[in-house]
């Protein structure tokens, strides 16, 4: 069965570094990271906190976005996370009206 959800995510590792990745099954991918099998970078850096998730209909779009995010500085990634949080908060507030 093909999963049509393509996800770009940012994790905060236990050493306070950030990891950006792509998956089509976030739950499984996070379990792999926790087991030390997700990516060489994350091995031994758990537990992890998911700070950012963006979903795309096409794999190519998700991979392009992952590349864009990986080009950002640490400060730029935190700004992206803050902007996404503001977007979510605004959406939640507008639903209450």
PDB file of N, CA and C in Angstrom:
ATOM      1  N   UNK A   1       0.843  -1.184   0.000  1.00  0.00           N
ATOM      2  CA  UNK A   1       0.000   0.000   0.000  1.00  0.00           C
ATOM      3  C   UNK A   1       0.891   1.252   0.000  1.00  0.00           C
ATOM      4  N   UNK A   2       0.641   2.142  -0.911  1.00  0.00           N
ATOM      5  CA  UNK A   2       1.443   3.361  -0.993  1.00  0.00           C
ATOM      6  C   UNK A   2       0.832   4.449  -0.131  1.00  0.00           C
ATOM      7  N   UNK A   3       1.676   5.097   0.631  1.00  0.00           N
ATOM      8  CA  UNK A   3       1.228   6.187   1.486  1.00  0.00           C
ATOM      9  C   UNK A   3       1.363   7.488   0.699  1.00  0.00           C
ATOM     10  N   UNK A   4       0.253   8.219   0.568  1.00  0.00           N
ATOM     11  CA  UNK A   4       0.266   9.456  -0.222  1.00  0.00           C
ATOM     12  C   UNK A   4       0.567  10.688   0.602  1.00  0.00           C
ATOM     13  N   UNK A   5       1.062  10.489   1.816  1.00  0.00           N
ATOM     14  CA  UNK A   5       1.401  11.614   2.668  1.00  0.00           C
ATOM     15  C   UNK A   5       2.919  11.727   2.736  1.00  0.00           C
ATOM     16  N   UNK A   6       3.434  12.857   2.308  1.00  0.00           N
ATOM     17  CA  UNK A   6       4.879  13.080   2.305  1.00  0.00           C
ATOM     18  C   UNK A   6       5.170  14.182   3.316  1.00  0.00           C
ATOM     19  N   UNK A   7       6.019  13.870   4.281  1.00  0.00           N
ATOM     20  CA  UNK A   7       6.194  14.726   5.442  1.00  0.00           C
ATOM     21  C   UNK A   7       7.645  15.175   5.606  1.00  0.00           C
ATOM     22  N   UNK A   8       7.811  16.468   5.864  1.00  0.00           N
ATOM     23  CA  UNK A   8       9.105  17.033   6.234  1.00  0.00           C
ATOM     24  C   UNK A   8       8.967  17.410   7.705  1.00  0.00           C
ATOM     25  N   UNK A   9       9.984  17.070   8.495  1.00  0.00           N
ATOM     26  CA  UNK A   9       9.892  17.313   9.931  1.00  0.00           C
ATOM     27  C   UNK A   9      11.219  17.813  10.483  1.00  0.00           C
ATOM     28  N   UNK A  10      11.124  18.497  11.619  1.00  0.00           N
ATOM     29  CA  UNK A  10      12.323  18.932  12.345  1.00  0.00           C
ATOM     30  C   UNK A  10      12.219  18.365  13.755  1.00  0.00           C
ATOM     31  N   UNK A  11      13.281  17.704  14.177  1.00  0.00           N
ATOM     32  CA  UNK A  11      13.368  17.167  15.535  1.00  0.00           C
ATOM     33  C   UNK A  11      14.366  17.987  16.335  1.00  0.00           C
ATOM     34  N   UNK A  12      14.085  18.122  17.631  1.00  0.00           N
ATOM     35  CA  UNK A  12      15.097  18.638  18.553  1.00  0.00           C
ATOM     36  C   UNK A  12      15.647  17.408  19.262  1.00  0.00           C
ATOM     37  N   UNK A  13      16.951  17.232  19.180  1.00  0.00           N
ATOM     38  CA  UNK A  13      17.608  16.101  19.825  1.00  0.00           C
ATOM     39  C   UNK A  13      17.895  16.445  21.285  1.00  0.00           C
ATOM     40  N   UNK A  14      18.234  15.437  22.071  1.00  0.00           N
ATOM     41  CA  UNK A  14      18.486  15.658  23.502  1.00  0.00           C
ATOM     42  C   UNK A  14      19.677  16.582  23.746  1.00  0.00           C
ATOM     43  N   UNK A  15      20.599  16.680  22.781  1.00  0.00           N
ATOM     44  CA  UNK A  15      21.745  17.596  22.934  1.00  0.00           C
ATOM     45  C   UNK A  15      21.425  18.993  22.401  1.00  0.00           C
ATOM     46  N   UNK A  16      20.121  19.225  22.138  1.00  0.00           N
ATOM     47  CA  UNK A  16      19.597  20.518  21.693  1.00  0.00           C
ATOM     48  C   UNK A  16      19.962  20.860  20.248  1.00  0.00           C
ATOM     49  N   UNK A  17      20.440  19.893  19.477  1.00  0.00           N
ATOM     50  CA  UNK A  17      20.656  20.129  18.054  1.00  0.00           C
ATOM     51  C   UNK A  17      19.350  19.844  17.310  1.00  0.00           C
ATOM     52  N   UNK A  18      19.293  20.295  16.063  1.00  0.00           N
ATOM     53  CA  UNK A  18      18.097  20.094  15.243  1.00  0.00           C
ATOM     54  C   UNK A  18      18.416  19.124  14.110  1.00  0.00           C
ATOM     55  N   UNK A  19      17.440  18.282  13.773  1.00  0.00           N
ATOM     56  CA  UNK A  19      17.570  17.352  12.652  1.00  0.00           C
ATOM     57  C   UNK A  19      16.351  17.531  11.764  1.00  0.00           C
ATOM     58  N   UNK A  20      16.577  17.703  10.477  1.00  0.00           N
ATOM     59  CA  UNK A  20      15.493  17.837   9.504  1.00  0.00           C
ATOM     60  C   UNK A  20      15.463  16.589   8.642  1.00  0.00           C
ATOM     61  N   UNK A  21      14.273  16.037   8.442  1.00  0.00           N
ATOM     62  CA  UNK A  21      14.172  14.823   7.651  1.00  0.00           C
ATOM     63  C   UNK A  21      12.881  14.747   6.853  1.00  0.00           C
ATOM     64  N   UNK A  22      12.810  13.714   6.015  1.00  0.00           N
ATOM     65  CA  UNK A  22      11.639  13.428   5.174  1.00  0.00           C
ATOM     66  C   UNK A  22      11.162  12.013   5.474  1.00  0.00           C
ATOM     67  N   UNK A  23       9.861  11.806   5.427  1.00  0.00           N
ATOM     68  CA  UNK A  23       9.297  10.463   5.558  1.00  0.00           C
ATOM     69  C   UNK A  23       7.901  10.431   4.959  1.00  0.00           C
ATOM     70  N   UNK A  24       7.388   9.234   4.756  1.00  0.00           N
ATOM     71  CA  UNK A  24       5.973   9.114   4.396  1.00  0.00           C
ATOM     72  C   UNK A  24       5.227   8.376   5.510  1.00  0.00           C
ATOM     73  N   UNK A  25       5.909   8.151   6.637  1.00  0.00           N
ATOM     74  CA  UNK A  25       5.299   7.515   7.812  1.00  0.00           C
ATOM     75  C   UNK A  25       6.026   8.042   9.053  1.00  0.00           C
ATOM     76  N   UNK A  26       5.534   9.150   9.583  1.00  0.00           N
ATOM     77  CA  UNK A  26       6.237   9.843  10.666  1.00  0.00           C
ATOM     78  C   UNK A  26       6.350   8.986  11.927  1.00  0.00           C
ATOM     79  N   UNK A  27       5.283   8.304  12.286  1.00  0.00           N
ATOM     80  CA  UNK A  27       5.298   7.472  13.496  1.00  0.00           C
ATOM     81  C   UNK A  27       6.399   6.406  13.414  1.00  0.00           C
ATOM     82  N   UNK A  28       6.471   5.731  12.279  1.00  0.00           N
ATOM     83  CA  UNK A  28       7.483   4.682  12.079  1.00  0.00           C
ATOM     84  C   UNK A  28       8.885   5.291  12.078  1.00  0.00           C
ATOM     85  N   UNK A  29       9.028   6.431  11.422  1.00  0.00           N
ATOM     86  CA  UNK A  29      10.332   7.077  11.328  1.00  0.00           C
ATOM     87  C   UNK A  29      10.833   7.511  12.711  1.00  0.00           C
ATOM     88  N   UNK A  30       9.925   8.047  13.527  1.00  0.00           N
ATOM     89  CA  UNK A  30      10.307   8.454  14.876  1.00  0.00           C
ATOM     90  C   UNK A  30      10.738   7.244  15.702  1.00  0.00           C
ATOM     91  N   UNK A  31      10.026   6.132  15.541  1.00  0.00           N
ATOM     92  CA  UNK A  31      10.405   4.897  16.250  1.00  0.00           C
ATOM     93  C   UNK A  31      11.803   4.461  15.812  1.00  0.00           C
ATOM     94  N   UNK A  32      12.106   4.590  14.524  1.00  0.00           N
ATOM     95  CA  UNK A  32      13.432   4.227  14.014  1.00  0.00           C
ATOM     96  C   UNK A  32      14.503   5.142  14.626  1.00  0.00           C
ATOM     97  N   UNK A  33      14.216   6.436  14.712  1.00  0.00           N
ATOM     98  CA  UNK A  33      15.165   7.370  15.330  1.00  0.00           C
ATOM     99  C   UNK A  33      15.418   6.961  16.787  1.00  0.00           C
ATOM    100  N   UNK A  34      14.340   6.655  17.509  1.00  0.00           N
ATOM    101  CA  UNK A  34      14.466   6.278  18.922  1.00  0.00           C
ATOM    102  C   UNK A  34      15.304   5.011  19.093  1.00  0.00           C
ATOM    103  N   UNK A  35      15.196   4.097  18.125  1.00  0.00           N
ATOM    104  CA  UNK A  35      15.962   2.845  18.174  1.00  0.00           C
ATOM    105  C   UNK A  35      17.400   3.023  17.697  1.00  0.00           C
ATOM    106  N   UNK A  36      17.735   4.224  17.247  1.00  0.00           N
ATOM    107  CA  UNK A  36      19.086   4.486  16.757  1.00  0.00           C
ATOM    108  C   UNK A  36      19.286   4.041  15.326  1.00  0.00           C
ATOM    109  N   UNK A  37      18.186   3.792  14.606  1.00  0.00           N
ATOM    110  CA  UNK A  37      18.269   3.307  13.224  1.00  0.00           C
ATOM    111  C   UNK A  37      17.727   4.315  12.215  1.00  0.00           C
ATOM    112  N   UNK A  38      17.294   5.480  12.684  1.00  0.00           N
ATOM    113  CA  UNK A  38      16.649   6.450  11.806  1.00  0.00           C
ATOM    114  C   UNK A  38      17.598   7.166  10.867  1.00  0.00           C
ATOM    115  N   UNK A  39      18.706   7.622  11.400  1.00  0.00           N
ATOM    116  CA  UNK A  39      19.703   8.349  10.618  1.00  0.00           C
ATOM    117  C   UNK A  39      20.997   8.345  11.413  1.00  0.00           C
ATOM    118  N   UNK A  40      22.099   8.367  10.713  1.00  0.00           N
ATOM    119  CA  UNK A  40      23.396   8.357  11.393  1.00  0.00           C
ATOM    120  C   UNK A  40      23.491   9.538  12.371  1.00  0.00           C
ATOM    121  N   UNK A  41      23.000  10.708  11.951  1.00  0.00           N
ATOM    122  CA  UNK A  41      23.108  11.909  12.781  1.00  0.00           C
ATOM    123  C   UNK A  41      22.382  11.752  14.115  1.00  0.00           C
ATOM    124  N   UNK A  42      21.208  11.132  14.105  1.00  0.00           N
ATOM    125  CA  UNK A  42      20.392  11.076  15.317  1.00  0.00           C
ATOM    126  C   UNK A  42      20.782   9.940  16.262  1.00  0.00           C
ATOM    127  N   UNK A  43      21.637   9.051  15.805  1.00  0.00           N
ATOM    128  CA  UNK A  43      22.021   7.906  16.643  1.00  0.00           C
ATOM    129  C   UNK A  43      22.637   8.393  17.959  1.00  0.00           C
ATOM    130  N   UNK A  44      22.055   7.959  19.070  1.00  0.00           N
ATOM    131  CA  UNK A  44      22.553   8.338  20.380  1.00  0.00           C
ATOM    132  C   UNK A  44      22.170   9.732  20.834  1.00  0.00           C
ATOM    133  N   UNK A  45      21.311  10.425  20.065  1.00  0.00           N
ATOM    134  CA  UNK A  45      20.929  11.796  20.425  1.00  0.00           C
ATOM    135  C   UNK A  45      19.499  11.887  20.953  1.00  0.00           C
ATOM    136  N   UNK A  46      18.831  10.756  21.158  1.00  0.00           N
ATOM    137  CA  UNK A  46      17.453  10.752  21.654  1.00  0.00           C
ATOM    138  C   UNK A  46      17.416  11.001  23.143  1.00  0.00           C
ATOM    139  N   UNK A  47      16.260  11.229  23.716  1.00  0.00           N
ATOM    140  CA  UNK A  47      14.949  11.269  23.063  1.00  0.00           C
ATOM    141  C   UNK A  47      14.775  12.544  22.222  1.00  0.00           C
ATOM    142  N   UNK A  48      13.774  12.496  21.369  1.00  0.00           N
ATOM    143  CA  UNK A  48      13.545  13.566  20.410  1.00  0.00           C
ATOM    144  C   UNK A  48      12.218  14.258  20.665  1.00  0.00           C
ATOM    145  N   UNK A  49      12.175  15.510  20.260  1.00  0.00           N
ATOM    146  CA  UNK A  49      10.933  16.272  20.327  1.00  0.00           C
ATOM    147  C   UNK A  49      10.639  16.767  18.912  1.00  0.00           C
ATOM    148  N   UNK A  50       9.436  16.496  18.415  1.00  0.00           N
ATOM    149  CA  UNK A  50       9.047  16.975  17.086  1.00  0.00           C
ATOM    150  C   UNK A  50       8.651  18.439  17.225  1.00  0.00           C
ATOM    151  N   UNK A  51       9.375  19.313  16.506  1.00  0.00           N
ATOM    152  CA  UNK A  51       9.102  20.749  16.589  1.00  0.00           C
ATOM    153  C   UNK A  51       8.333  21.275  15.385  1.00  0.00           C
ATOM    154  N   UNK A  52       8.397  20.546  14.269  1.00  0.00           N
ATOM    155  CA  UNK A  52       7.850  21.076  13.016  1.00  0.00           C
ATOM    156  C   UNK A  52       7.443  19.918  12.116  1.00  0.00           C
ATOM    157  N   UNK A  53       6.264  20.036  11.517  1.00  0.00           N
ATOM    158  CA  UNK A  53       5.785  19.031  10.565  1.00  0.00           C
ATOM    159  C   UNK A  53       5.084  19.768   9.430  1.00  0.00           C
ATOM    160  N   UNK A  54       5.425  19.410   8.209  1.00  0.00           N
ATOM    161  CA  UNK A  54       4.765  19.964   7.031  1.00  0.00           C
ATOM    162  C   UNK A  54       4.447  18.805   6.098  1.00  0.00           C
ATOM    163  N   UNK A  55       3.215  18.773   5.577  1.00  0.00           N
ATOM    164  CA  UNK A  55       2.787  17.665   4.721  1.00  0.00           C
ATOM    165  C   UNK A  55       2.610  18.132   3.281  1.00  0.00           C
ATOM    166  N   UNK A  56       2.928  17.237   2.354  1.00  0.00           N
ATOM    167  CA  UNK A  56       2.853  17.539   0.922  1.00  0.00           C
ATOM    168  C   UNK A  56       2.185  16.390   0.177  1.00  0.00           C
ATOM    169  N   UNK A  57       1.462  16.706  -0.905  1.00  0.00           N
ATOM    170  CA  UNK A  57       0.834  15.640  -1.694  1.00  0.00           C
ATOM    171  C   UNK A  57       1.837  14.881  -2.571  1.00  0.00           C
ATOM    172  N   UNK A  58       2.937  15.529  -2.934  1.00  0.00           N
ATOM    173  CA  UNK A  58       3.927  14.915  -3.825  1.00  0.00           C
ATOM    174  C   UNK A  58       5.271  14.780  -3.133  1.00  0.00           C
ATOM    175  N   UNK A  59       5.921  13.643  -3.359  1.00  0.00           N
ATOM    176  CA  UNK A  59       7.228  13.395  -2.760  1.00  0.00           C
ATOM    177  C   UNK A  59       8.244  14.444  -3.200  1.00  0.00           C
ATOM    178  N   UNK A  60       8.209  14.813  -4.475  1.00  0.00           N
ATOM    179  CA  UNK A  60       9.191  15.776  -4.992  1.00  0.00           C
ATOM    180  C   UNK A  60       9.077  17.117  -4.268  1.00  0.00           C
ATOM    181  N   UNK A  61       7.849  17.545  -3.963  1.00  0.00           N
ATOM    182  CA  UNK A  61       7.650  18.806  -3.238  1.00  0.00           C
ATOM    183  C   UNK A  61       8.260  18.708  -1.842  1.00  0.00           C
ATOM    184  N   UNK A  62       8.025  17.589  -1.176  1.00  0.00           N
ATOM    185  CA  UNK A  62       8.533  17.389   0.181  1.00  0.00           C
ATOM    186  C   UNK A  62      10.059  17.382   0.188  1.00  0.00           C
ATOM    187  N   UNK A  63      10.661  16.706  -0.777  1.00  0.00           N
ATOM    188  CA  UNK A  63      12.122  16.639  -0.831  1.00  0.00           C
ATOM    189  C   UNK A  63      12.730  18.002  -1.124  1.00  0.00           C
ATOM    190  N   UNK A  64      12.055  18.801  -1.962  1.00  0.00           N
ATOM    191  CA  UNK A  64      12.530  20.162  -2.233  1.00  0.00           C
ATOM    192  C   UNK A  64      12.460  21.009  -0.964  1.00  0.00           C
ATOM    193  N   UNK A  65      11.359  20.848  -0.225  1.00  0.00           N
ATOM    194  CA  UNK A  65      11.186  21.608   1.016  1.00  0.00           C
ATOM    195  C   UNK A  65      12.232  21.185   2.059  1.00  0.00           C
ATOM    196  N   UNK A  66      12.484  19.884   2.150  1.00  0.00           N
ATOM    197  CA  UNK A  66      13.507  19.386   3.072  1.00  0.00           C
ATOM    198  C   UNK A  66      14.855  20.036   2.747  1.00  0.00           C
ATOM    199  N   UNK A  67      15.177  20.092   1.463  1.00  0.00           N
ATOM    200  CA  UNK A  67      16.440  20.707   1.040  1.00  0.00           C
ATOM    201  C   UNK A  67      16.482  22.178   1.437  1.00  0.00           C
ATOM    202  N   UNK A  68      15.377  22.903   1.192  1.00  0.00           N
ATOM    203  CA  UNK A  68      15.311  24.332   1.552  1.00  0.00           C
ATOM    204  C   UNK A  68      15.558  24.523   3.050  1.00  0.00           C
ATOM    205  N   UNK A  69      14.899  23.714   3.856  1.00  0.00           N
ATOM    206  CA  UNK A  69      15.031  23.841   5.309  1.00  0.00           C
ATOM    207  C   UNK A  69      16.455  23.526   5.746  1.00  0.00           C
ATOM    208  N   UNK A  70      17.059  22.519   5.141  1.00  0.00           N
ATOM    209  CA  UNK A  70      18.427  22.145   5.514  1.00  0.00           C
ATOM    210  C   UNK A  70      19.431  23.246   5.173  1.00  0.00           C
ATOM    211  N   UNK A  71      19.085  24.148   4.261  1.00  0.00           N
ATOM    212  CA  UNK A  71      19.972  25.257   3.917  1.00  0.00           C
ATOM    213  C   UNK A  71      19.892  26.390   4.935  1.00  0.00           C
ATOM    214  N   UNK A  72      18.842  26.385   5.759  1.00  0.00           N
ATOM    215  CA  UNK A  72      18.662  27.450   6.748  1.00  0.00           C
ATOM    216  C   UNK A  72      19.671  27.310   7.882  1.00  0.00           C
ATOM    217  N   UNK A  73      19.976  28.430   8.504  1.00  0.00           N
ATOM    218  CA  UNK A  73      20.793  28.401   9.720  1.00  0.00           C
ATOM    219  C   UNK A  73      19.909  27.874  10.852  1.00  0.00           C
ATOM    220  N   UNK A  74      20.526  27.588  11.979  1.00  0.00           N
ATOM    221  CA  UNK A  74      19.765  27.164  13.164  1.00  0.00           C
ATOM    222  C   UNK A  74      18.727  28.234  13.523  1.00  0.00           C
ATOM    223  N   UNK A  75      19.158  29.485  13.481  1.00  0.00           N
ATOM    224  CA  UNK A  75      18.257  30.605  13.782  1.00  0.00           C
ATOM    225  C   UNK A  75      17.091  30.623  12.786  1.00  0.00           C
ATOM    226  N   UNK A  76      17.394  30.401  11.523  1.00  0.00           N
ATOM    227  CA  UNK A  76      16.366  30.369  10.484  1.00  0.00           C
ATOM    228  C   UNK A  76      15.359  29.252  10.705  1.00  0.00           C
ATOM    229  N   UNK A  77      15.845  28.102  11.162  1.00  0.00           N
ATOM    230  CA  UNK A  77      14.945  26.970  11.442  1.00  0.00           C
ATOM    231  C   UNK A  77      14.026  27.296  12.606  1.00  0.00           C
ATOM    232  N   UNK A  78      14.571  27.928  13.661  1.00  0.00           N
ATOM    233  CA  UNK A  78      13.721  28.304  14.791  1.00  0.00           C
ATOM    234  C   UNK A  78      12.700  29.361  14.376  1.00  0.00           C
ATOM    235  N   UNK A  79      13.078  30.262  13.465  1.00  0.00           N
ATOM    236  CA  UNK A  79      12.129  31.264  12.962  1.00  0.00           C
ATOM    237  C   UNK A  79      11.003  30.566  12.197  1.00  0.00           C
ATOM    238  N   UNK A  80      11.352  29.580  11.391  1.00  0.00           N
ATOM    239  CA  UNK A  80      10.360  28.802  10.644  1.00  0.00           C
ATOM    240  C   UNK A  80       9.390  28.113  11.609  1.00  0.00           C
ATOM    241  N   UNK A  81       9.927  27.524  12.663  1.00  0.00           N
ATOM    242  CA  UNK A  81       9.106  26.850  13.677  1.00  0.00           C
ATOM    243  C   UNK A  81       8.170  27.855  14.354  1.00  0.00           C
ATOM    244  N   UNK A  82       8.705  29.023  14.720  1.00  0.00           N
ATOM    245  CA  UNK A  82       7.877  30.060  15.347  1.00  0.00           C
ATOM    246  C   UNK A  82       6.771  30.532  14.409  1.00  0.00           C
ATOM    247  N   UNK A  83       7.114  30.739  13.140  1.00  0.00           N
ATOM    248  CA  UNK A  83       6.121  31.195  12.159  1.00  0.00           C
ATOM    249  C   UNK A  83       5.000  30.171  12.009  1.00  0.00           C
ATOM    250  N   UNK A  84       5.356  28.890  11.972  1.00  0.00           N
ATOM    251  CA  UNK A  84       4.361  27.820  11.834  1.00  0.00           C
ATOM    252  C   UNK A  84       3.475  27.783  13.079  1.00  0.00           C
ATOM    253  N   UNK A  85       4.072  27.978  14.248  1.00  0.00           N
ATOM    254  CA  UNK A  85       3.310  27.987  15.496  1.00  0.00           C
ATOM    255  C   UNK A  85       2.320  29.148  15.511  1.00  0.00           C
ATOM    256  N   UNK A  86       2.757  30.321  15.054  1.00  0.00           N
ATOM    257  CA  UNK A  86       1.861  31.485  14.987  1.00  0.00           C
ATOM    258  C   UNK A  86       0.687  31.193  14.055  1.00  0.00           C
ATOM    259  N   UNK A  87       0.984  30.534  12.933  1.00  0.00           N
ATOM    260  CA  UNK A  87      -0.041  30.164  11.950  1.00  0.00           C
ATOM    261  C   UNK A  87      -1.080  29.243  12.609  1.00  0.00           C
ATOM    262  N   UNK A  88      -0.617  28.275  13.357  1.00  0.00           N
ATOM    263  CA  UNK A  88      -1.514  27.329  14.027  1.00  0.00           C
ATOM    264  C   UNK A  88      -2.344  28.051  15.085  1.00  0.00           C
ATOM    265  N   UNK A  89      -1.692  28.917  15.865  1.00  0.00           N
ATOM    266  CA  UNK A  89      -2.387  29.652  16.920  1.00  0.00           C
ATOM    267  C   UNK A  89      -3.463  30.563  16.302  1.00  0.00           C
ATOM    268  N   UNK A  90      -3.126  31.221  15.199  1.00  0.00           N
ATOM    269  CA  UNK A  90      -4.081  32.095  14.524  1.00  0.00           C
ATOM    270  C   UNK A  90      -5.274  31.282  14.029  1.00  0.00           C
ATOM    271  N   UNK A  91      -5.008  30.120  13.469  1.00  0.00           N
ATOM    272  CA  UNK A  91      -6.064  29.243  12.965  1.00  0.00           C
ATOM    273  C   UNK A  91      -6.980  28.811  14.113  1.00  0.00           C
ATOM    274  N   UNK A  92      -6.387  28.413  15.240  1.00  0.00           N
ATOM    275  CA  UNK A  92      -7.175  27.989  16.405  1.00  0.00           C
ATOM    276  C   UNK A  92      -8.036  29.134  16.930  1.00  0.00           C
ATOM    277  N   UNK A  93      -7.484  30.352  16.983  1.00  0.00           N
ATOM    278  CA  UNK A  93      -8.225  31.507  17.439  1.00  0.00           C
ATOM    279  C   UNK A  93      -9.387  31.823  16.505  1.00  0.00           C
ATOM    280  N   UNK A  94      -9.173  31.701  15.197  1.00  0.00           N
ATOM    281  CA  UNK A  94     -10.222  32.020  14.224  1.00  0.00           C
ATOM    282  C   UNK A  94     -11.364  30.998  14.286  1.00  0.00           C
ATOM    283  N   UNK A  95     -11.067  29.774  14.721  1.00  0.00           N
ATOM    284  CA  UNK A  95     -12.121  28.751  14.850  1.00  0.00           C
ATOM    285  C   UNK A  95     -13.051  29.061  16.013  1.00  0.00           C
ATOM    286  N   UNK A  96     -12.567  29.815  17.006  1.00  0.00           N
ATOM    287  CA  UNK A  96     -13.357  30.130  18.185  1.00  0.00           C
ATOM    288  C   UNK A  96     -14.393  31.221  17.910  1.00  0.00           C
ATOM    289  N   UNK A  97     -14.191  31.993  16.834  1.00  0.00           N
ATOM    290  CA  UNK A  97     -15.094  33.110  16.534  1.00  0.00           C
ATOM    291  C   UNK A  97     -16.444  32.640  16.052  1.00  0.00           C
TER     292      UNK A  97
END
